[in-house]
Amino acid sequence: MSRKYEKEKTLQTMSLRIGYIQEICKDYGGIVKALEDERNGQASIIMHLVVAKEQLQRIQDNGDLESLSIFEKDDIKGLSAIRNIASHDYEGLNFAIIENVIREYLPPLKERIDNFLNDMKQSEKSIEDILHGNDKIDDDKSESNSTKKQKS
């Protein structure tokens, strides 16, 4: 598996998991209501946060500085803390903090990830267009230049 593909898949997984958390909260009618349901909502949210942290850890382990630039220091610290508490002291989770993370940190993080992925796709498309001679801008310029020469 290429590094680029692995990077893209890892970031897509993070974005997907954050999206799942947002959907769960919406389905419950709010973050607090979702976290109050210990059986399903709370457990699902925590698991998705843990998976998001695992994806972040994969990025860190790969030394992918470009992808790491998406994350702010607080994103990394927050996801790490939630993951550690969820894994080692579940009863010690502070749901007010998790609520704040979901409300304040996850939406802009998801947006940054999605923007990064879109930029990757645009760059890839631009490179593909150039390699395959589909560079519209250059074709248009060439056409207008040859038209000008013919008129002269």
N, C-alpha and C. Protein backbone atom coordinates (compact mmCIF):
# COMPACT_ATOMS: atom_id res chain seq x y z
N MET A 1 0.85 -1.18 0.00
CA MET A 1 0.00 0.00 0.00
C MET A 1 0.90 1.24 0.00
N SER A 2 0.60 2.17 -0.90
CA SER A 2 1.43 3.36 -1.00
C SER A 2 1.18 4.29 0.20
N ARG A 3 2.18 5.09 0.50
CA ARG A 3 2.06 6.04 1.61
C ARG A 3 0.90 7.01 1.38
N LYS A 4 0.74 7.46 0.13
CA LYS A 4 -0.32 8.41 -0.19
C LYS A 4 -1.68 7.78 0.07
N TYR A 5 -1.83 6.54 -0.37
CA TYR A 5 -3.10 5.83 -0.17
C TYR A 5 -3.36 5.63 1.32
N GLU A 6 -2.32 5.24 2.05
CA GLU A 6 -2.46 5.02 3.50
C GLU A 6 -2.83 6.33 4.21
N LYS A 7 -2.19 7.41 3.82
CA LYS A 7 -2.50 8.72 4.40
C LYS A 7 -3.96 9.08 4.15
N GLU A 8 -4.38 8.92 2.91
CA GLU A 8 -5.75 9.27 2.54
C GLU A 8 -6.75 8.40 3.31
N LYS A 9 -6.50 7.10 3.38
CA LYS A 9 -7.41 6.18 4.07
C LYS A 9 -7.48 6.51 5.56
N THR A 10 -6.37 6.80 6.17
CA THR A 10 -6.32 7.14 7.59
C THR A 10 -7.13 8.40 7.87
N LEU A 11 -6.93 9.42 7.07
CA LEU A 11 -7.67 10.68 7.26
C LEU A 11 -9.16 10.51 6.96
N GLN A 12 -9.48 9.71 5.96
CA GLN A 12 -10.89 9.44 5.66
C GLN A 12 -11.56 8.73 6.84
N THR A 13 -10.85 7.79 7.45
CA THR A 13 -11.40 7.07 8.59
C THR A 13 -11.65 8.02 9.75
N MET A 14 -10.71 8.92 10.00
CA MET A 14 -10.91 9.91 11.07
C MET A 14 -12.13 10.78 10.79
N SER A 15 -12.24 11.28 9.58
CA SER A 15 -13.37 12.13 9.22
C SER A 15 -14.69 11.35 9.35
N LEU A 16 -14.68 10.12 8.90
CA LEU A 16 -15.87 9.28 8.99
C LEU A 16 -16.29 9.08 10.44
N ARG A 17 -15.34 8.77 11.32
CA ARG A 17 -15.66 8.53 12.73
C ARG A 17 -16.19 9.79 13.40
N ILE A 18 -15.61 10.94 13.08
CA ILE A 18 -16.13 12.19 13.63
C ILE A 18 -17.55 12.43 13.11
N GLY A 19 -17.76 12.13 11.83
CA GLY A 19 -19.09 12.25 11.26
C GLY A 19 -20.10 11.34 11.96
N TYR A 20 -19.67 10.12 12.29
CA TYR A 20 -20.55 9.20 13.03
C TYR A 20 -20.93 9.79 14.38
N ILE A 21 -19.97 10.36 15.07
CA ILE A 21 -20.26 10.99 16.38
C ILE A 21 -21.30 12.09 16.20
N GLN A 22 -21.11 12.92 15.19
CA GLN A 22 -22.07 14.00 14.94
C GLN A 22 -23.46 13.45 14.62
N GLU A 23 -23.52 12.37 13.85
CA GLU A 23 -24.80 11.76 13.50
C GLU A 23 -25.48 11.16 14.74
N ILE A 24 -24.71 10.50 15.58
CA ILE A 24 -25.25 9.92 16.81
C ILE A 24 -25.88 11.01 17.67
N CYS A 25 -25.15 12.10 17.84
CA CYS A 25 -25.67 13.21 18.66
C CYS A 25 -26.94 13.79 18.04
N LYS A 26 -26.96 13.92 16.74
CA LYS A 26 -28.15 14.43 16.06
C LYS A 26 -29.33 13.47 16.25
N ASP A 27 -29.07 12.17 16.10
CA ASP A 27 -30.13 11.17 16.26
C ASP A 27 -30.75 11.19 17.65
N TYR A 28 -29.92 11.49 18.65
CA TYR A 28 -30.41 11.55 20.03
C TYR A 28 -31.04 12.89 20.38
N GLY A 29 -30.89 13.86 19.51
CA GLY A 29 -31.44 15.18 19.80
C GLY A 29 -30.49 16.04 20.59
N GLY A 30 -29.22 15.71 20.59
CA GLY A 30 -28.22 16.53 21.26
C GLY A 30 -27.10 15.70 21.85
N ILE A 31 -26.00 16.38 22.14
CA ILE A 31 -24.81 15.72 22.67
C ILE A 31 -25.08 15.15 24.06
N VAL A 32 -25.68 15.94 24.93
CA VAL A 32 -25.93 15.51 26.30
C VAL A 32 -26.81 14.27 26.33
N LYS A 33 -27.87 14.28 25.54
CA LYS A 33 -28.77 13.12 25.51
C LYS A 33 -28.05 11.88 25.01
N ALA A 34 -27.19 12.04 24.03
CA ALA A 34 -26.44 10.89 23.50
C ALA A 34 -25.49 10.35 24.57
N LEU A 35 -24.84 11.25 25.30
CA LEU A 35 -23.89 10.80 26.34
C LEU A 35 -24.61 10.22 27.56
N GLU A 36 -25.86 10.60 27.77
CA GLU A 36 -26.62 10.06 28.90
C GLU A 36 -27.03 8.60 28.67
N ASP A 37 -27.10 8.18 27.42
CA ASP A 37 -27.46 6.80 27.12
C ASP A 37 -26.22 5.92 27.21
N GLU A 38 -25.99 5.38 28.42
CA GLU A 38 -24.79 4.58 28.67
C GLU A 38 -24.70 3.34 27.80
N ARG A 39 -25.84 2.78 27.49
CA ARG A 39 -25.86 1.51 26.77
C ARG A 39 -25.43 1.65 25.32
N ASN A 40 -25.89 2.68 24.65
CA ASN A 40 -25.60 2.81 23.22
C ASN A 40 -24.89 4.10 22.84
N GLY A 41 -25.52 5.23 23.09
CA GLY A 41 -24.96 6.51 22.64
C GLY A 41 -23.57 6.77 23.17
N GLN A 42 -23.44 6.72 24.48
CA GLN A 42 -22.15 6.99 25.14
C GLN A 42 -21.07 6.02 24.65
N ALA A 43 -21.41 4.73 24.65
CA ALA A 43 -20.42 3.72 24.25
C ALA A 43 -19.98 3.92 22.80
N SER A 44 -20.94 4.22 21.94
CA SER A 44 -20.61 4.43 20.52
C SER A 44 -19.71 5.64 20.33
N ILE A 45 -20.05 6.72 21.00
CA ILE A 45 -19.26 7.94 20.88
C ILE A 45 -17.82 7.69 21.36
N ILE A 46 -17.69 7.06 22.51
CA ILE A 46 -16.34 6.80 23.05
C ILE A 46 -15.55 5.91 22.10
N MET A 47 -16.20 4.88 21.56
CA MET A 47 -15.48 3.99 20.63
C MET A 47 -15.02 4.74 19.39
N HIS A 48 -15.86 5.61 18.85
CA HIS A 48 -15.46 6.38 17.67
C HIS A 48 -14.32 7.34 18.01
N LEU A 49 -14.33 7.91 19.20
CA LEU A 49 -13.22 8.77 19.63
C LEU A 49 -11.93 7.97 19.75
N VAL A 50 -12.02 6.75 20.27
CA VAL A 50 -10.85 5.89 20.40
C VAL A 50 -10.29 5.55 19.02
N VAL A 51 -11.16 5.21 18.09
CA VAL A 51 -10.71 4.89 16.73
C VAL A 51 -10.07 6.12 16.08
N ALA A 52 -10.65 7.29 16.29
CA ALA A 52 -10.06 8.52 15.74
C ALA A 52 -8.66 8.73 16.30
N LYS A 53 -8.48 8.49 17.59
CA LYS A 53 -7.16 8.62 18.21
C LYS A 53 -6.18 7.60 17.63
N GLU A 54 -6.66 6.38 17.37
CA GLU A 54 -5.79 5.36 16.77
C GLU A 54 -5.32 5.80 15.39
N GLN A 55 -6.19 6.45 14.63
CA GLN A 55 -5.81 6.95 13.32
C GLN A 55 -4.76 8.07 13.45
N LEU A 56 -4.97 8.93 14.43
CA LEU A 56 -3.99 9.98 14.69
C LEU A 56 -2.65 9.36 15.08
N GLN A 57 -2.69 8.32 15.89
CA GLN A 57 -1.45 7.64 16.30
C GLN A 57 -0.74 7.05 15.08
N ARG A 58 -1.50 6.52 14.15
CA ARG A 58 -0.91 5.97 12.92
C ARG A 58 -0.17 7.07 12.16
N ILE A 59 -0.78 8.24 12.07
CA ILE A 59 -0.15 9.38 11.39
C ILE A 59 1.15 9.76 12.11
N GLN A 60 1.09 9.81 13.44
CA GLN A 60 2.28 10.16 14.22
C GLN A 60 3.37 9.11 14.04
N ASP A 61 2.99 7.84 14.11
CA ASP A 61 3.97 6.75 13.97
C ASP A 61 4.64 6.75 12.60
N ASN A 62 3.90 7.16 11.57
CA ASN A 62 4.46 7.22 10.22
C ASN A 62 5.31 8.46 9.99
N GLY A 63 5.30 9.37 10.95
CA GLY A 63 6.07 10.61 10.80
C GLY A 63 5.57 11.47 9.67
N ASP A 64 4.27 11.43 9.43
CA ASP A 64 3.64 12.17 8.33
C ASP A 64 3.41 13.62 8.77
N LEU A 65 4.44 14.43 8.61
CA LEU A 65 4.38 15.82 9.06
C LEU A 65 3.33 16.64 8.31
N GLU A 66 3.13 16.32 7.04
CA GLU A 66 2.12 17.05 6.26
C GLU A 66 0.74 16.83 6.86
N SER A 67 0.39 15.58 7.15
CA SER A 67 -0.92 15.29 7.75
C SER A 67 -1.00 15.80 9.18
N LEU A 68 0.09 15.72 9.91
CA LEU A 68 0.09 16.22 11.29
C LEU A 68 -0.17 17.71 11.36
N SER A 69 0.15 18.43 10.28
CA SER A 69 -0.06 19.87 10.27
C SER A 69 -1.55 20.23 10.36
N ILE A 70 -2.42 19.29 10.09
CA ILE A 70 -3.87 19.51 10.19
C ILE A 70 -4.28 19.72 11.64
N PHE A 71 -3.58 19.05 12.54
CA PHE A 71 -3.98 18.97 13.93
C PHE A 71 -3.32 20.04 14.78
N GLU A 72 -4.12 20.63 15.65
CA GLU A 72 -3.59 21.56 16.63
C GLU A 72 -3.14 20.77 17.85
N LYS A 73 -2.30 21.37 18.63
CA LYS A 73 -1.76 20.71 19.83
C LYS A 73 -2.90 20.20 20.73
N ASP A 74 -3.93 21.01 20.90
CA ASP A 74 -5.07 20.62 21.75
C ASP A 74 -5.84 19.43 21.19
N ASP A 75 -5.90 19.30 19.86
CA ASP A 75 -6.56 18.15 19.25
C ASP A 75 -5.84 16.86 19.67
N ILE A 76 -4.53 16.89 19.58
CA ILE A 76 -3.73 15.71 19.89
C ILE A 76 -3.83 15.37 21.37
N LYS A 77 -3.68 16.39 22.22
CA LYS A 77 -3.76 16.16 23.66
C LYS A 77 -5.15 15.66 24.07
N GLY A 78 -6.19 16.26 23.52
CA GLY A 78 -7.55 15.89 23.88
C GLY A 78 -7.91 14.47 23.47
N LEU A 79 -7.59 14.11 22.23
CA LEU A 79 -7.88 12.75 21.78
C LEU A 79 -7.07 11.72 22.55
N SER A 80 -5.84 12.06 22.86
CA SER A 80 -4.99 11.13 23.63
C SER A 80 -5.55 10.93 25.04
N ALA A 81 -5.96 12.00 25.68
CA ALA A 81 -6.49 11.91 27.05
C ALA A 81 -7.78 11.08 27.08
N ILE A 82 -8.67 11.34 26.14
CA ILE A 82 -9.93 10.59 26.10
C ILE A 82 -9.66 9.12 25.85
N ARG A 83 -8.77 8.82 24.94
CA ARG A 83 -8.45 7.43 24.63
C ARG A 83 -7.86 6.72 25.84
N ASN A 84 -6.92 7.38 26.52
CA ASN A 84 -6.28 6.75 27.68
C ASN A 84 -7.27 6.49 28.81
N ILE A 85 -8.12 7.46 29.09
CA ILE A 85 -9.10 7.29 30.16
C ILE A 85 -10.12 6.23 29.77
N ALA A 86 -10.56 6.26 28.50
CA ALA A 86 -11.55 5.27 28.04
C ALA A 86 -10.99 3.86 28.14
N SER A 87 -9.70 3.71 27.89
CA SER A 87 -9.09 2.39 27.92
C SER A 87 -8.72 1.91 29.32
N HIS A 88 -8.37 2.84 30.22
CA HIS A 88 -7.83 2.44 31.52
C HIS A 88 -8.69 2.82 32.72
N ASP A 89 -9.59 3.79 32.54
CA ASP A 89 -10.40 4.25 33.67
C ASP A 89 -11.73 4.80 33.16
N TYR A 90 -12.52 3.93 32.55
CA TYR A 90 -13.75 4.36 31.90
C TYR A 90 -14.65 5.14 32.85
N GLU A 91 -14.72 4.72 34.09
CA GLU A 91 -15.56 5.40 35.08
C GLU A 91 -15.05 6.81 35.38
N GLY A 92 -13.79 7.06 35.05
CA GLY A 92 -13.20 8.37 35.31
C GLY A 92 -13.41 9.38 34.19
N LEU A 93 -14.14 8.98 33.14
CA LEU A 93 -14.38 9.92 32.04
C LEU A 93 -15.24 11.09 32.51
N ASN A 94 -14.84 12.27 32.14
CA ASN A 94 -15.59 13.47 32.46
C ASN A 94 -16.42 13.83 31.23
N PHE A 95 -17.72 13.57 31.31
CA PHE A 95 -18.56 13.75 30.14
C PHE A 95 -18.79 15.21 29.79
N ALA A 96 -18.57 16.11 30.72
CA ALA A 96 -18.65 17.54 30.39
C ALA A 96 -17.50 17.90 29.44
N ILE A 97 -16.33 17.30 29.66
CA ILE A 97 -15.19 17.55 28.78
C ILE A 97 -15.46 16.92 27.41
N ILE A 98 -16.00 15.72 27.40
CA ILE A 98 -16.29 15.06 26.13
C ILE A 98 -17.34 15.85 25.35
N GLU A 99 -18.34 16.36 26.06
CA GLU A 99 -19.34 17.20 25.42
C GLU A 99 -18.67 18.41 24.77
N ASN A 100 -17.77 19.05 25.49
CA ASN A 100 -17.05 20.21 24.95
C ASN A 100 -16.21 19.83 23.73
N VAL A 101 -15.55 18.69 23.80
CA VAL A 101 -14.75 18.22 22.67
C VAL A 101 -15.64 18.04 21.44
N ILE A 102 -16.78 17.38 21.64
CA ILE A 102 -17.70 17.12 20.52
C ILE A 102 -18.25 18.44 19.96
N ARG A 103 -18.59 19.35 20.84
CA ARG A 103 -19.21 20.61 20.42
C ARG A 103 -18.20 21.59 19.81
N GLU A 104 -17.03 21.72 20.44
CA GLU A 104 -16.09 22.78 20.06
C GLU A 104 -14.92 22.32 19.19
N TYR A 105 -14.42 21.13 19.41
CA TYR A 105 -13.19 20.71 18.73
C TYR A 105 -13.42 19.84 17.50
N LEU A 106 -14.39 18.94 17.56
CA LEU A 106 -14.56 18.01 16.45
C LEU A 106 -15.04 18.66 15.16
N PRO A 107 -16.02 19.59 15.19
CA PRO A 107 -16.44 20.18 13.90
C PRO A 107 -15.31 20.87 13.12
N PRO A 108 -14.51 21.73 13.77
CA PRO A 108 -13.43 22.34 12.98
C PRO A 108 -12.34 21.33 12.58
N LEU A 109 -12.13 20.32 13.42
CA LEU A 109 -11.14 19.29 13.07
C LEU A 109 -11.61 18.52 11.83
N LYS A 110 -12.87 18.13 11.81
CA LYS A 110 -13.41 17.43 10.65
C LYS A 110 -13.30 18.30 9.40
N GLU A 111 -13.61 19.57 9.55
CA GLU A 111 -13.52 20.49 8.41
C GLU A 111 -12.08 20.58 7.89
N ARG A 112 -11.12 20.67 8.80
CA ARG A 112 -9.70 20.73 8.37
C ARG A 112 -9.29 19.44 7.67
N ILE A 113 -9.72 18.31 8.20
CA ILE A 113 -9.39 17.02 7.56
C ILE A 113 -10.01 16.95 6.17
N ASP A 114 -11.30 17.29 6.07
CA ASP A 114 -12.00 17.24 4.78
C ASP A 114 -11.37 18.20 3.77
N ASN A 115 -11.00 19.38 4.21
CA ASN A 115 -10.34 20.34 3.31
C ASN A 115 -9.00 19.80 2.83
N PHE A 116 -8.24 19.20 3.74
CA PHE A 116 -6.95 18.61 3.39
C PHE A 116 -7.14 17.50 2.34
N LEU A 117 -8.13 16.64 2.57
CA LEU A 117 -8.41 15.56 1.62
C LEU A 117 -8.83 16.12 0.27
N ASN A 118 -9.67 17.15 0.27
CA ASN A 118 -10.08 17.78 -0.99
C ASN A 118 -8.89 18.39 -1.72
N ASP A 119 -8.00 19.03 -0.96
CA ASP A 119 -6.80 19.61 -1.57
C ASP A 119 -5.92 18.52 -2.19
N MET A 120 -5.81 17.38 -1.48
CA MET A 120 -5.04 16.25 -2.02
C MET A 120 -5.63 15.79 -3.35
N LYS A 121 -6.94 15.68 -3.40
CA LYS A 121 -7.61 15.22 -4.63
C LYS A 121 -7.43 16.22 -5.76
N GLN A 122 -7.53 17.52 -5.44
CA GLN A 122 -7.34 18.55 -6.46
C GLN A 122 -5.92 18.53 -7.00
N SER A 123 -4.94 18.36 -6.11
CA SER A 123 -3.54 18.29 -6.55
C SER A 123 -3.32 17.09 -7.44
N GLU A 124 -3.89 15.97 -7.03
CA GLU A 124 -3.76 14.74 -7.80
C GLU A 124 -4.40 14.91 -9.18
N LYS A 125 -5.58 15.53 -9.21
CA LYS A 125 -6.28 15.76 -10.47
C LYS A 125 -5.48 16.67 -11.37
N SER A 126 -4.90 17.72 -10.80
CA SER A 126 -4.10 18.66 -11.59
C SER A 126 -2.89 17.96 -12.19
N ILE A 127 -2.24 17.13 -11.40
CA ILE A 127 -1.06 16.39 -11.88
C ILE A 127 -1.48 15.43 -12.98
N GLU A 128 -2.58 14.72 -12.78
CA GLU A 128 -3.09 13.78 -13.79
C GLU A 128 -3.41 14.52 -15.08
N ASP A 129 -4.05 15.68 -14.98
CA ASP A 129 -4.40 16.46 -16.17
C ASP A 129 -3.14 16.85 -16.94
N ILE A 130 -2.13 17.29 -16.23
CA ILE A 130 -0.89 17.70 -16.88
C ILE A 130 -0.21 16.49 -17.53
N LEU A 131 -0.16 15.37 -16.81
CA LEU A 131 0.49 14.17 -17.35
C LEU A 131 -0.23 13.61 -18.58
N HIS A 132 -1.53 13.79 -18.62
CA HIS A 132 -2.30 13.23 -19.73
C HIS A 132 -2.67 14.29 -20.77
N GLY A 133 -2.08 15.45 -20.66
CA GLY A 133 -2.32 16.49 -21.67
C GLY A 133 -3.71 17.09 -21.62
N ASN A 134 -4.33 17.02 -20.47
CA ASN A 134 -5.68 17.57 -20.34
C ASN A 134 -5.65 18.93 -19.66
N ASP A 135 -4.57 19.63 -19.79
CA ASP A 135 -4.43 20.92 -19.14
C ASP A 135 -5.19 21.96 -19.95
N LYS A 136 -6.43 22.23 -19.57
CA LYS A 136 -7.34 23.12 -20.29
C LYS A 136 -6.77 24.52 -20.46
N ILE A 137 -6.12 25.02 -19.42
CA ILE A 137 -5.60 26.38 -19.49
C ILE A 137 -4.59 26.50 -20.62
N ASP A 138 -3.65 25.55 -20.69
CA ASP A 138 -2.64 25.58 -21.75
C ASP A 138 -3.27 25.37 -23.11
N ASP A 139 -4.25 24.48 -23.22
CA ASP A 139 -4.93 24.24 -24.49
C ASP A 139 -5.63 25.50 -24.96
N ASP A 140 -6.32 26.19 -24.05
CA ASP A 140 -7.02 27.42 -24.40
C ASP A 140 -6.03 28.50 -24.87
N LYS A 141 -4.89 28.59 -24.18
CA LYS A 141 -3.88 29.59 -24.57
C LYS A 141 -3.32 29.26 -25.95
N SER A 142 -3.05 27.99 -26.19
CA SER A 142 -2.50 27.58 -27.48
C SER A 142 -3.49 27.87 -28.60
N GLU A 143 -4.76 27.59 -28.34
CA GLU A 143 -5.79 27.84 -29.32
C GLU A 143 -5.89 29.31 -29.66
N SER A 144 -5.90 30.16 -28.63
CA SER A 144 -6.03 31.59 -28.88
C SER A 144 -4.78 32.13 -29.57
N ASN A 145 -3.59 31.60 -29.25
CA ASN A 145 -2.37 32.04 -29.91
C ASN A 145 -2.37 31.66 -31.38
N SER A 146 -2.82 30.43 -31.69
CA SER A 146 -2.83 30.01 -33.10
C SER A 146 -3.89 30.78 -33.87
N THR A 147 -5.01 31.12 -33.23
CA THR A 147 -6.04 31.93 -33.86
C THR A 147 -5.50 33.31 -34.16
N LYS A 148 -4.76 33.89 -33.23
CA LYS A 148 -4.16 35.21 -33.45
C LYS A 148 -3.18 35.17 -34.61
N LYS A 149 -2.36 34.10 -34.70
CA LYS A 149 -1.37 33.99 -35.78
C LYS A 149 -2.06 33.89 -37.12
N GLN A 150 -3.18 33.14 -37.18
CA GLN A 150 -3.88 32.98 -38.43
C GLN A 150 -4.48 34.31 -38.92
N LYS A 151 -4.94 35.15 -37.97
CA LYS A 151 -5.53 36.43 -38.32
C LYS A 151 -4.48 37.42 -38.81
N SER A 152 -3.22 37.24 -38.39
CA SER A 152 -2.17 38.20 -38.75
C SER A 152 -1.77 38.12 -40.18
